[in-house]
Amino acid sequence: MQQTTKARKALRATPKGGVVFTAEIGDGTYVIKAEFNTSFDYNDFYTKKNSGVNGQPAVVYEAKIPADASGEIELMLAGTGSEDGSDGKIYTDVSHLTTAKTIVDKIIIKMK
């Protein structure tokens, strides 16, 4: 049986200085993911006509945290959610994203 540990932080608008939260995790290898979206973020591919209020889909960043991790680990762009967010999948094609790739500058995990 696989054990899952969840650490979540629900946010409204992200403060300009960033967000810091802590979580204790047990021994093992983990994958951490972060999802970001801006409504009405249209571009030439994700237009108001074909994407409604969503514009570009949410971007998903992720990193693998090995059991012996130390120091800093940077989350990297893994893909997007579906355009309407309905299926829970991550799509790796980010070739049609523009401003959605600039929602965050960097996501760093600091291991203690």
N, C-alpha and C. Protein backbone atom coordinates (compact mmCIF):
# COMPACT_ATOMS: atom_id res chain seq x y z
N MET A 1 0.83 -1.16 0.00
CA MET A 1 0.00 0.00 0.00
C MET A 1 0.89 1.24 0.00
N GLN A 2 0.53 2.22 -0.83
CA GLN A 2 1.30 3.45 -0.94
C GLN A 2 0.73 4.48 0.05
N GLN A 3 1.61 5.12 0.80
CA GLN A 3 1.19 6.14 1.76
C GLN A 3 1.36 7.50 1.11
N THR A 4 0.39 8.36 1.32
CA THR A 4 0.43 9.70 0.74
C THR A 4 0.45 10.73 1.86
N THR A 5 1.35 11.68 1.76
CA THR A 5 1.41 12.80 2.69
C THR A 5 1.04 14.05 1.92
N LYS A 6 0.10 14.82 2.45
CA LYS A 6 -0.32 16.03 1.75
C LYS A 6 0.01 17.26 2.57
N ALA A 7 0.58 18.24 1.91
CA ALA A 7 0.81 19.56 2.52
C ALA A 7 0.21 20.56 1.55
N ARG A 8 -0.79 21.27 1.98
CA ARG A 8 -1.46 22.20 1.09
C ARG A 8 -1.50 23.59 1.69
N LYS A 9 -1.48 24.57 0.82
CA LYS A 9 -1.61 25.95 1.26
C LYS A 9 -2.59 26.61 0.30
N ALA A 10 -3.77 26.93 0.77
CA ALA A 10 -4.77 27.59 -0.07
C ALA A 10 -4.52 29.08 -0.02
N LEU A 11 -4.51 29.71 -1.16
CA LEU A 11 -4.17 31.12 -1.23
C LEU A 11 -5.19 31.89 -2.04
N ARG A 12 -5.28 33.14 -1.76
CA ARG A 12 -5.99 34.05 -2.63
C ARG A 12 -4.91 34.64 -3.54
N ALA A 13 -4.91 35.93 -3.70
CA ALA A 13 -3.86 36.56 -4.50
C ALA A 13 -2.51 36.35 -3.80
N THR A 14 -1.50 36.00 -4.57
CA THR A 14 -0.18 35.75 -4.00
C THR A 14 0.50 37.07 -3.66
N PRO A 15 0.97 37.21 -2.43
CA PRO A 15 1.67 38.44 -2.06
C PRO A 15 2.91 38.66 -2.92
N LYS A 16 3.28 39.91 -3.15
CA LYS A 16 4.43 40.21 -3.99
C LYS A 16 5.73 39.65 -3.43
N GLY A 17 5.84 39.51 -2.13
CA GLY A 17 7.06 38.98 -1.53
C GLY A 17 7.14 37.47 -1.57
N GLY A 18 6.11 36.82 -2.04
CA GLY A 18 6.11 35.36 -2.12
C GLY A 18 5.35 34.74 -0.98
N VAL A 19 5.37 33.44 -0.93
CA VAL A 19 4.67 32.67 0.08
C VAL A 19 5.64 31.65 0.65
N VAL A 20 5.63 31.52 1.96
CA VAL A 20 6.47 30.54 2.62
C VAL A 20 5.58 29.67 3.48
N PHE A 21 5.73 28.36 3.35
CA PHE A 21 5.05 27.46 4.27
C PHE A 21 5.96 26.28 4.54
N THR A 22 5.72 25.63 5.67
CA THR A 22 6.57 24.52 6.06
C THR A 22 5.74 23.25 6.18
N ALA A 23 6.41 22.13 5.99
CA ALA A 23 5.76 20.82 6.15
C ALA A 23 6.82 19.82 6.56
N GLU A 24 6.44 18.94 7.44
CA GLU A 24 7.32 17.85 7.82
C GLU A 24 6.88 16.62 7.05
N ILE A 25 7.83 15.96 6.41
CA ILE A 25 7.52 14.75 5.67
C ILE A 25 8.40 13.61 6.19
N GLY A 26 7.90 12.43 6.06
CA GLY A 26 8.65 11.27 6.53
C GLY A 26 9.71 10.84 5.54
N ASP A 27 10.38 9.76 5.87
CA ASP A 27 11.40 9.21 4.97
C ASP A 27 10.73 8.71 3.70
N GLY A 28 11.41 8.84 2.60
CA GLY A 28 10.88 8.37 1.32
C GLY A 28 11.11 9.39 0.24
N THR A 29 10.68 9.06 -0.94
CA THR A 29 10.79 9.95 -2.09
C THR A 29 9.42 10.55 -2.34
N TYR A 30 9.39 11.85 -2.59
CA TYR A 30 8.14 12.56 -2.79
C TYR A 30 8.19 13.36 -4.07
N VAL A 31 7.03 13.68 -4.61
CA VAL A 31 6.90 14.62 -5.72
C VAL A 31 6.03 15.76 -5.22
N ILE A 32 6.54 16.97 -5.39
CA ILE A 32 5.77 18.15 -5.00
C ILE A 32 5.35 18.87 -6.27
N LYS A 33 4.09 19.33 -6.29
CA LYS A 33 3.56 20.04 -7.45
C LYS A 33 2.93 21.34 -6.99
N ALA A 34 2.98 22.33 -7.85
CA ALA A 34 2.35 23.63 -7.59
C ALA A 34 1.65 24.07 -8.88
N GLU A 35 0.43 24.53 -8.73
CA GLU A 35 -0.37 24.93 -9.89
C GLU A 35 -0.75 26.40 -9.76
N PHE A 36 -0.64 27.15 -10.88
CA PHE A 36 -0.93 28.58 -10.90
C PHE A 36 -1.76 28.92 -12.12
N ASN A 37 -2.66 29.89 -11.97
CA ASN A 37 -3.50 30.28 -13.09
C ASN A 37 -3.90 31.74 -12.93
N THR A 38 -4.07 32.40 -14.06
CA THR A 38 -4.61 33.75 -14.10
C THR A 38 -5.79 33.75 -15.04
N SER A 39 -6.98 34.07 -14.54
CA SER A 39 -8.16 34.14 -15.40
C SER A 39 -8.01 35.27 -16.42
N PHE A 40 -8.67 35.11 -17.53
CA PHE A 40 -8.68 36.11 -18.62
C PHE A 40 -7.29 36.34 -19.20
N ASP A 41 -6.44 35.33 -19.16
CA ASP A 41 -5.07 35.43 -19.66
C ASP A 41 -5.03 34.90 -21.09
N TYR A 42 -5.55 35.69 -22.00
CA TYR A 42 -5.67 35.26 -23.40
C TYR A 42 -4.37 35.50 -24.17
N ASN A 43 -4.21 34.75 -25.25
CA ASN A 43 -3.15 35.00 -26.21
C ASN A 43 -3.68 34.61 -27.59
N ASP A 44 -2.83 34.54 -28.60
CA ASP A 44 -3.30 34.23 -29.95
C ASP A 44 -3.87 32.82 -30.08
N PHE A 45 -3.44 31.89 -29.23
CA PHE A 45 -3.92 30.51 -29.29
C PHE A 45 -5.12 30.29 -28.37
N TYR A 46 -5.02 30.76 -27.13
CA TYR A 46 -6.10 30.62 -26.15
C TYR A 46 -6.90 31.92 -26.15
N THR A 47 -7.86 32.01 -27.06
CA THR A 47 -8.64 33.24 -27.24
C THR A 47 -9.90 33.20 -26.38
N LYS A 48 -10.54 34.35 -26.25
CA LYS A 48 -11.80 34.40 -25.51
C LYS A 48 -12.84 33.51 -26.19
N LYS A 49 -12.78 33.43 -27.49
CA LYS A 49 -13.75 32.63 -28.24
C LYS A 49 -13.60 31.13 -27.96
N ASN A 50 -12.36 30.64 -27.82
CA ASN A 50 -12.19 29.19 -27.64
C ASN A 50 -11.86 28.76 -26.21
N SER A 51 -11.68 29.73 -25.29
CA SER A 51 -11.33 29.31 -23.93
C SER A 51 -12.15 30.00 -22.84
N GLY A 52 -13.18 30.74 -23.21
CA GLY A 52 -14.04 31.37 -22.21
C GLY A 52 -13.28 32.30 -21.29
N VAL A 53 -13.59 32.24 -19.98
CA VAL A 53 -12.93 33.13 -19.02
C VAL A 53 -11.54 32.65 -18.65
N ASN A 54 -11.21 31.42 -19.00
CA ASN A 54 -9.95 30.84 -18.55
C ASN A 54 -8.73 31.39 -19.26
N GLY A 55 -8.81 31.61 -20.55
CA GLY A 55 -7.60 31.99 -21.28
C GLY A 55 -6.63 30.82 -21.26
N GLN A 56 -5.36 31.10 -21.02
CA GLN A 56 -4.36 30.03 -20.97
C GLN A 56 -4.63 29.12 -19.77
N PRO A 57 -4.39 27.84 -19.93
CA PRO A 57 -4.65 26.93 -18.81
C PRO A 57 -3.65 27.12 -17.67
N ALA A 58 -3.98 26.56 -16.52
CA ALA A 58 -3.10 26.62 -15.36
C ALA A 58 -1.77 25.96 -15.68
N VAL A 59 -0.69 26.53 -15.17
CA VAL A 59 0.63 25.94 -15.33
C VAL A 59 0.94 25.10 -14.08
N VAL A 60 1.61 23.98 -14.30
CA VAL A 60 1.94 23.07 -13.21
C VAL A 60 3.46 22.91 -13.14
N TYR A 61 4.02 23.15 -11.97
CA TYR A 61 5.44 22.98 -11.71
C TYR A 61 5.61 21.79 -10.78
N GLU A 62 6.72 21.06 -10.94
CA GLU A 62 6.93 19.92 -10.05
C GLU A 62 8.42 19.64 -9.85
N ALA A 63 8.69 18.90 -8.78
CA ALA A 63 10.05 18.45 -8.49
C ALA A 63 9.95 17.15 -7.70
N LYS A 64 10.92 16.30 -7.93
CA LYS A 64 11.05 15.06 -7.16
C LYS A 64 11.97 15.35 -5.98
N ILE A 65 11.55 14.93 -4.80
CA ILE A 65 12.35 15.12 -3.60
C ILE A 65 12.83 13.75 -3.14
N PRO A 66 14.09 13.42 -3.40
CA PRO A 66 14.60 12.12 -2.98
C PRO A 66 14.73 12.03 -1.47
N ALA A 67 14.75 10.82 -0.94
CA ALA A 67 14.81 10.59 0.50
C ALA A 67 16.02 11.26 1.14
N ASP A 68 17.14 11.34 0.44
CA ASP A 68 18.37 11.91 1.01
C ASP A 68 18.57 13.37 0.60
N ALA A 69 17.50 14.07 0.23
CA ALA A 69 17.61 15.44 -0.26
C ALA A 69 18.13 16.38 0.81
N SER A 70 18.92 17.35 0.36
CA SER A 70 19.37 18.43 1.23
C SER A 70 19.56 19.66 0.35
N GLY A 71 19.67 20.80 0.98
CA GLY A 71 19.87 22.03 0.21
C GLY A 71 18.59 22.50 -0.45
N GLU A 72 18.71 22.98 -1.68
CA GLU A 72 17.57 23.54 -2.41
C GLU A 72 17.22 22.70 -3.62
N ILE A 73 15.93 22.60 -3.88
CA ILE A 73 15.42 21.92 -5.07
C ILE A 73 14.46 22.88 -5.75
N GLU A 74 14.66 23.10 -7.05
CA GLU A 74 13.80 24.01 -7.80
C GLU A 74 12.72 23.23 -8.53
N LEU A 75 11.47 23.68 -8.41
CA LEU A 75 10.39 23.09 -9.19
C LEU A 75 10.50 23.60 -10.61
N MET A 76 10.26 22.73 -11.57
CA MET A 76 10.37 23.09 -12.98
C MET A 76 8.99 22.98 -13.63
N LEU A 77 8.77 23.72 -14.70
CA LEU A 77 7.51 23.67 -15.43
C LEU A 77 7.31 22.27 -15.99
N ALA A 78 6.22 21.62 -15.58
CA ALA A 78 5.93 20.25 -16.02
C ALA A 78 4.89 20.22 -17.11
N GLY A 79 4.05 21.25 -17.18
CA GLY A 79 3.00 21.27 -18.18
C GLY A 79 1.84 22.14 -17.74
N THR A 80 0.66 21.81 -18.25
CA THR A 80 -0.55 22.56 -17.92
C THR A 80 -1.65 21.61 -17.50
N GLY A 81 -2.64 22.18 -16.85
CA GLY A 81 -3.87 21.44 -16.63
C GLY A 81 -4.69 21.51 -17.91
N SER A 82 -5.84 20.85 -17.92
CA SER A 82 -6.72 20.96 -19.09
C SER A 82 -7.28 22.39 -19.15
N GLU A 83 -7.76 22.78 -20.30
CA GLU A 83 -8.24 24.16 -20.46
C GLU A 83 -9.35 24.50 -19.48
N ASP A 84 -10.21 23.54 -19.17
CA ASP A 84 -11.31 23.83 -18.24
C ASP A 84 -11.07 23.22 -16.86
N GLY A 85 -9.90 22.60 -16.66
CA GLY A 85 -9.55 22.06 -15.35
C GLY A 85 -10.32 20.83 -14.93
N SER A 86 -10.96 20.17 -15.87
CA SER A 86 -11.90 19.11 -15.51
C SER A 86 -11.31 17.71 -15.35
N ASP A 87 -10.15 17.42 -15.93
CA ASP A 87 -9.73 16.01 -15.95
C ASP A 87 -8.57 15.66 -15.03
N GLY A 88 -7.94 16.64 -14.40
CA GLY A 88 -6.86 16.35 -13.45
C GLY A 88 -5.56 15.89 -14.07
N LYS A 89 -5.45 15.90 -15.37
CA LYS A 89 -4.22 15.46 -16.04
C LYS A 89 -3.26 16.63 -16.22
N ILE A 90 -1.98 16.29 -16.43
CA ILE A 90 -0.97 17.29 -16.76
C ILE A 90 -0.55 17.07 -18.21
N TYR A 91 -0.67 18.13 -18.99
CA TYR A 91 -0.31 18.08 -20.41
C TYR A 91 1.05 18.74 -20.59
N THR A 92 1.99 18.03 -21.19
CA THR A 92 3.37 18.51 -21.27
C THR A 92 3.62 19.53 -22.38
N ASP A 93 2.71 19.68 -23.33
CA ASP A 93 2.92 20.63 -24.41
C ASP A 93 2.64 22.05 -23.90
N VAL A 94 3.68 22.83 -23.77
CA VAL A 94 3.54 24.22 -23.32
C VAL A 94 3.87 25.21 -24.44
N SER A 95 3.89 24.72 -25.67
CA SER A 95 4.32 25.54 -26.79
C SER A 95 3.38 26.71 -27.10
N HIS A 96 2.13 26.64 -26.66
CA HIS A 96 1.18 27.72 -26.94
C HIS A 96 1.04 28.70 -25.77
N LEU A 97 1.79 28.48 -24.71
CA LEU A 97 1.74 29.39 -23.57
C LEU A 97 2.63 30.60 -23.83
N THR A 98 2.20 31.72 -23.33
CA THR A 98 3.02 32.94 -23.40
C THR A 98 3.13 33.50 -21.98
N THR A 99 2.26 34.41 -21.62
CA THR A 99 2.33 35.06 -20.31
C THR A 99 2.08 34.10 -19.15
N ALA A 100 1.43 32.99 -19.38
CA ALA A 100 1.20 32.02 -18.30
C ALA A 100 2.52 31.49 -17.75
N LYS A 101 3.55 31.47 -18.58
CA LYS A 101 4.86 30.99 -18.12
C LYS A 101 5.58 32.02 -17.25
N THR A 102 4.99 33.20 -17.09
CA THR A 102 5.63 34.24 -16.29
C THR A 102 4.85 34.55 -15.00
N ILE A 103 3.89 33.72 -14.66
CA ILE A 103 3.10 33.96 -13.44
C ILE A 103 4.00 33.92 -12.21
N VAL A 104 4.93 32.97 -12.17
CA VAL A 104 5.88 32.90 -11.07
C VAL A 104 7.29 32.98 -11.63
N ASP A 105 8.19 33.53 -10.84
CA ASP A 105 9.59 33.59 -11.25
C ASP A 105 10.32 32.29 -10.95
N LYS A 106 10.11 31.80 -9.73
CA LYS A 106 10.89 30.64 -9.29
C LYS A 106 10.18 30.01 -8.10
N ILE A 107 10.27 28.71 -7.99
CA ILE A 107 9.75 27.99 -6.84
C ILE A 107 10.89 27.12 -6.29
N ILE A 108 11.26 27.39 -5.06
CA ILE A 108 12.38 26.69 -4.44
C ILE A 108 11.90 25.96 -3.19
N ILE A 109 12.33 24.74 -3.05
CA ILE A 109 12.12 23.96 -1.84
C ILE A 109 13.44 23.94 -1.10
N LYS A 110 13.44 24.37 0.14
CA LYS A 110 14.64 24.33 0.97
C LYS A 110 14.51 23.19 1.97
N MET A 111 15.44 22.26 1.88
CA MET A 111 15.42 21.10 2.76
C MET A 111 16.28 21.39 3.98
N LYS A 112 15.82 20.96 5.13
CA LYS A 112 16.59 21.13 6.38
C LYS A 112 17.05 19.78 6.86
